[in-house]
Amino acid sequence: MAVEHTHKGHRSRLRLRAEQEGLASFQPHEALELLLFPVLPQRDVNPLAHTLTEKFGSLGGVMEAPQEQLEAMPGLGQCSAAWLALLNRAAKRYAELSLKDRPKFDKLALVEKHCAQLFKGVTEEQMTEAFHVANAIRGYKEINLKAMRILPRGGYLATCSCSHFMTDDRFHAMLADAAKDAQVSLRQIEARQQGPDHPILWNVPESEYLKFYIFQIC
């Protein structure tokens, strides 16, 4: 009986993820795999990408590594090492050109003036809340997205939040966004809030903090 290869269709799935959601959710070795696909088209580059990121510490460490050190890595070779070095130089050149026409702030007063224009009318309290909301949404999405990708169709996802920054509307939007990225549909089985011993006071928004859902992955 033939054994199915663990990474069958892996390249196609990785490319599709990159097209649909960019590289923000990619692990360093996954991003490196994408870069190696064009120069190593017939090989499973997953083990090599793991080895390289472990050896040089990060994706950035691989890209910044001297070409001679890359060439010495088993399984990489001269052409692949030259390709990674070229990508690194191209990225640096692009960064230089993209920053060329941006305003230069060589004095603290100019920085303060620019920031004052950007955030005119925004209070410190609003800035703090926006920071916490953005962090909460990003963190909850990352956790739920990973769970949705791991769970099989028909499996169950139990998810919750006890942060008042994550309002019900924000939590719903985050889950919908994660489901879209994971290419699944959610069938709601149950929804709950905190018990009566933790009452929700309509004039105190912070008291409505707990959201709990059970979904079936479809």
Protein backbone atom coordinates (compact mmCIF):
# COMPACT_ATOMS: atom_id res chain seq x y z
CA MET A 1 0.00 0.00 0.00
CA ALA A 2 1.50 3.33 -1.07
CA VAL A 3 2.07 5.95 1.60
CA GLU A 4 0.89 9.45 0.68
CA HIS A 5 3.67 12.05 0.86
CA THR A 6 3.29 14.42 3.82
CA HIS A 7 3.89 17.51 1.65
CA LYS A 8 1.79 16.50 -1.36
CA GLY A 9 0.35 19.69 -2.83
CA HIS A 10 2.36 21.74 -0.33
CA ARG A 11 3.79 24.15 -2.91
CA SER A 12 0.37 24.91 -4.37
CA ARG A 13 -1.14 25.52 -0.93
CA LEU A 14 1.73 27.77 0.10
CA ARG A 15 1.51 29.83 -3.11
CA LEU A 16 -2.27 30.14 -2.73
CA ARG A 17 -1.91 31.37 0.86
CA ALA A 18 0.66 33.96 -0.24
CA GLU A 19 -1.65 35.22 -3.02
CA GLN A 20 -4.69 35.45 -0.76
CA GLU A 21 -3.28 36.79 2.50
CA GLY A 22 0.28 37.92 1.89
CA LEU A 23 3.17 36.78 4.08
CA ALA A 24 2.12 38.26 7.44
CA SER A 25 0.93 34.91 8.85
CA PHE A 26 3.82 32.89 7.39
CA GLN A 27 6.44 31.27 9.59
CA PRO A 28 10.02 32.24 8.61
CA HIS A 29 10.73 28.84 7.05
CA GLU A 30 7.51 29.03 4.99
CA ALA A 31 8.48 32.40 3.51
CA LEU A 32 11.93 31.00 2.74
CA GLU A 33 10.35 28.02 0.98
CA LEU A 34 8.55 30.40 -1.38
CA LEU A 35 11.85 32.09 -2.23
CA LEU A 36 13.50 28.74 -2.93
CA PHE A 37 10.75 27.35 -5.19
CA PRO A 38 12.02 29.00 -8.44
CA VAL A 39 15.61 27.74 -8.07
CA LEU A 40 14.81 24.30 -6.62
CA PRO A 41 11.67 23.37 -8.58
CA GLN A 42 11.86 19.57 -8.25
CA ARG A 43 12.68 19.20 -4.55
CA ASP A 44 10.90 19.30 -1.24
CA VAL A 45 12.56 22.42 0.17
CA ASN A 46 10.74 22.30 3.52
CA PRO A 47 13.57 20.50 5.39
CA LEU A 48 16.17 22.81 3.82
CA ALA A 49 14.20 25.92 4.81
CA HIS A 50 13.99 24.64 8.40
CA THR A 51 17.73 23.95 8.45
CA LEU A 52 18.62 27.38 7.10
CA THR A 53 16.40 29.35 9.51
CA GLU A 54 17.71 27.30 12.45
CA LYS A 55 21.32 27.79 11.34
CA PHE A 56 21.11 31.55 10.76
CA GLY A 57 18.48 32.31 13.41
CA SER A 58 15.74 33.87 11.29
CA LEU A 59 14.61 34.64 7.75
CA GLY A 60 16.53 37.92 7.97
CA GLY A 61 19.60 36.03 9.15
CA VAL A 62 19.43 33.80 6.08
CA MET A 63 19.02 36.74 3.71
CA GLU A 64 21.88 38.67 5.34
CA ALA A 65 24.25 35.67 5.47
CA PRO A 66 27.39 35.90 3.31
CA GLN A 67 26.97 34.09 0.02
CA GLU A 68 29.96 31.84 0.76
CA GLN A 69 28.30 30.57 3.95
CA LEU A 70 25.08 29.86 2.08
CA GLU A 71 26.95 27.97 -0.63
CA ALA A 72 28.52 25.77 2.05
CA MET A 73 25.10 24.64 3.32
CA PRO A 74 24.30 21.06 2.22
CA GLY A 75 21.50 20.97 -0.32
CA LEU A 76 21.63 24.65 -1.28
CA GLY A 77 24.44 25.06 -3.79
CA GLN A 78 26.00 28.00 -5.62
CA CYS A 79 23.04 29.00 -7.82
CA SER A 80 20.51 28.99 -4.97
CA ALA A 81 22.90 30.91 -2.69
CA ALA A 82 23.44 33.50 -5.44
CA TRP A 83 19.67 33.78 -5.88
CA LEU A 84 19.09 34.53 -2.18
CA ALA A 85 21.94 37.06 -2.18
CA LEU A 86 20.43 38.76 -5.25
CA LEU A 87 16.99 38.93 -3.61
CA ASN A 88 18.55 40.55 -0.55
CA ARG A 89 20.32 43.20 -2.65
CA ALA A 90 17.13 43.85 -4.65
CA ALA A 91 15.09 44.31 -1.46
CA LYS A 92 17.62 46.78 -0.08
CA ARG A 93 17.66 48.76 -3.34
CA TYR A 94 13.86 48.89 -3.40
CA ALA A 95 13.84 50.18 0.19
CA GLU A 96 16.33 52.91 -0.74
CA LEU A 97 14.27 54.04 -3.74
CA SER A 98 10.94 53.93 -1.89
CA LEU A 99 12.34 56.18 0.86
CA LYS A 100 14.00 58.62 -1.54
CA ASP A 101 11.03 60.97 -2.04
CA ARG A 102 9.61 60.77 1.49
CA PRO A 103 9.83 63.84 3.73
CA LYS A 104 13.01 63.95 5.80
CA PHE A 105 12.77 64.85 9.48
CA ASP A 106 16.22 66.01 10.49
CA LYS A 107 14.96 68.06 13.43
CA LEU A 108 12.82 67.02 16.40
CA ALA A 109 10.53 70.01 15.86
CA LEU A 110 9.61 68.75 12.38
CA VAL A 111 8.77 65.32 13.80
CA GLU A 112 6.56 66.86 16.48
CA LYS A 113 4.78 69.05 13.91
CA HIS A 114 4.15 66.10 11.58
CA CYS A 115 2.77 63.93 14.42
CA ALA A 116 0.57 66.77 15.64
CA GLN A 117 -1.00 67.05 12.16
CA LEU A 118 -1.51 63.29 11.88
CA PHE A 119 -3.24 62.94 15.25
CA LYS A 120 -5.00 66.28 15.48
CA GLY A 121 -8.10 65.98 17.68
CA VAL A 122 -7.21 62.49 18.93
CA THR A 123 -6.96 62.21 22.72
CA GLU A 124 -4.38 60.11 24.56
CA GLU A 125 -7.22 57.88 25.80
CA GLN A 126 -8.39 57.24 22.22
CA MET A 127 -4.84 56.45 21.11
CA THR A 128 -4.40 53.95 23.95
CA GLU A 129 -7.70 52.23 23.18
CA ALA A 130 -6.91 52.04 19.45
CA PHE A 131 -3.55 50.43 20.28
CA HIS A 132 -5.15 47.83 22.55
CA VAL A 133 -7.93 47.09 20.03
CA ALA A 134 -5.48 46.57 17.17
CA ASN A 135 -3.33 44.24 19.29
CA ALA A 136 -6.38 42.30 20.49
CA ILE A 137 -7.77 41.78 16.98
CA ARG A 138 -4.39 40.71 15.61
CA GLY A 139 -3.79 38.23 18.45
CA TYR A 140 -7.25 36.69 18.42
CA LYS A 141 -7.21 36.32 14.65
CA GLU A 142 -3.83 34.56 14.67
CA ILE A 143 -5.03 32.02 17.28
CA ASN A 144 -8.38 31.33 15.62
CA LEU A 145 -6.91 31.19 12.12
CA LYS A 146 -4.44 28.50 13.19
CA ALA A 147 -7.23 26.49 14.85
CA MET A 148 -9.44 26.71 11.75
CA ARG A 149 -6.62 25.46 9.56
CA ILE A 150 -5.82 22.55 11.87
CA LEU A 151 -9.38 21.36 12.51
CA PRO A 152 -10.91 18.95 9.98
CA ARG A 153 -14.22 19.64 8.27
CA GLY A 154 -16.95 18.69 10.73
CA GLY A 155 -14.69 19.45 13.70
CA TYR A 156 -15.67 21.84 16.47
CA LEU A 157 -14.06 25.14 17.45
CA ALA A 158 -14.65 26.59 20.91
CA THR A 159 -13.45 30.18 21.10
CA CYS A 160 -13.87 33.00 23.58
CA SER A 161 -12.66 36.42 24.66
CA CYS A 162 -12.76 38.08 28.05
CA SER A 163 -11.40 41.44 26.85
CA HIS A 164 -13.81 44.38 26.83
CA PHE A 165 -11.74 45.86 23.99
CA MET A 166 -13.00 42.98 21.82
CA THR A 167 -16.65 43.96 21.50
CA ASP A 168 -19.07 41.41 20.10
CA ASP A 169 -19.05 43.18 16.71
CA ARG A 170 -15.25 43.16 16.59
CA PHE A 171 -15.13 39.52 17.66
CA HIS A 172 -17.63 38.57 14.94
CA ALA A 173 -15.68 40.50 12.30
CA MET A 174 -12.40 38.90 13.41
CA LEU A 175 -13.87 35.39 13.22
CA ALA A 176 -15.36 36.07 9.78
CA ASP A 177 -11.99 37.40 8.57
CA ALA A 178 -10.13 34.38 9.96
CA ALA A 179 -12.65 31.97 8.39
CA LYS A 180 -12.21 33.67 5.02
CA ASP A 181 -8.43 33.35 5.22
CA ALA A 182 -8.70 29.71 6.31
CA GLN A 183 -11.19 29.04 3.48
CA VAL A 184 -13.80 27.50 5.80
CA SER A 185 -17.39 28.25 6.78
CA LEU A 186 -18.55 28.49 10.39
CA ARG A 187 -21.79 26.91 11.62
CA GLN A 188 -22.69 28.43 15.00
CA ILE A 189 -23.68 25.80 17.55
CA GLU A 190 -23.80 27.85 20.73
CA ALA A 191 -23.17 31.39 22.04
CA ARG A 192 -22.84 32.44 25.66
CA GLN A 193 -21.93 35.41 27.88
CA GLN A 194 -20.87 35.67 31.50
CA GLY A 195 -23.17 34.29 34.20
CA PRO A 196 -25.61 36.33 36.34
CA ASP A 197 -23.00 36.63 39.10
CA HIS A 198 -21.13 38.95 36.70
CA PRO A 199 -23.95 41.28 35.58
CA ILE A 200 -23.73 43.45 32.48
CA LEU A 201 -24.32 47.11 33.33
CA TRP A 202 -25.50 49.06 30.30
CA ASN A 203 -23.91 52.27 31.54
CA VAL A 204 -20.56 50.51 32.11
CA PRO A 205 -19.30 49.11 28.74
CA GLU A 206 -16.40 47.32 30.45
CA SER A 207 -18.84 45.01 32.26
CA GLU A 208 -19.79 43.29 28.97
CA TYR A 209 -16.56 41.43 28.50
CA LEU A 210 -17.13 37.69 27.98
CA LYS A 211 -17.96 36.22 24.58
CA PHE A 212 -18.02 32.44 24.10
CA TYR A 213 -18.89 30.54 20.90
CA ILE A 214 -18.90 26.99 19.65
CA PHE A 215 -18.72 26.54 15.88
CA GLN A 216 -18.65 23.57 13.56
CA ILE A 217 -16.07 23.88 10.81
CA CYS A 218 -17.67 23.40 7.37
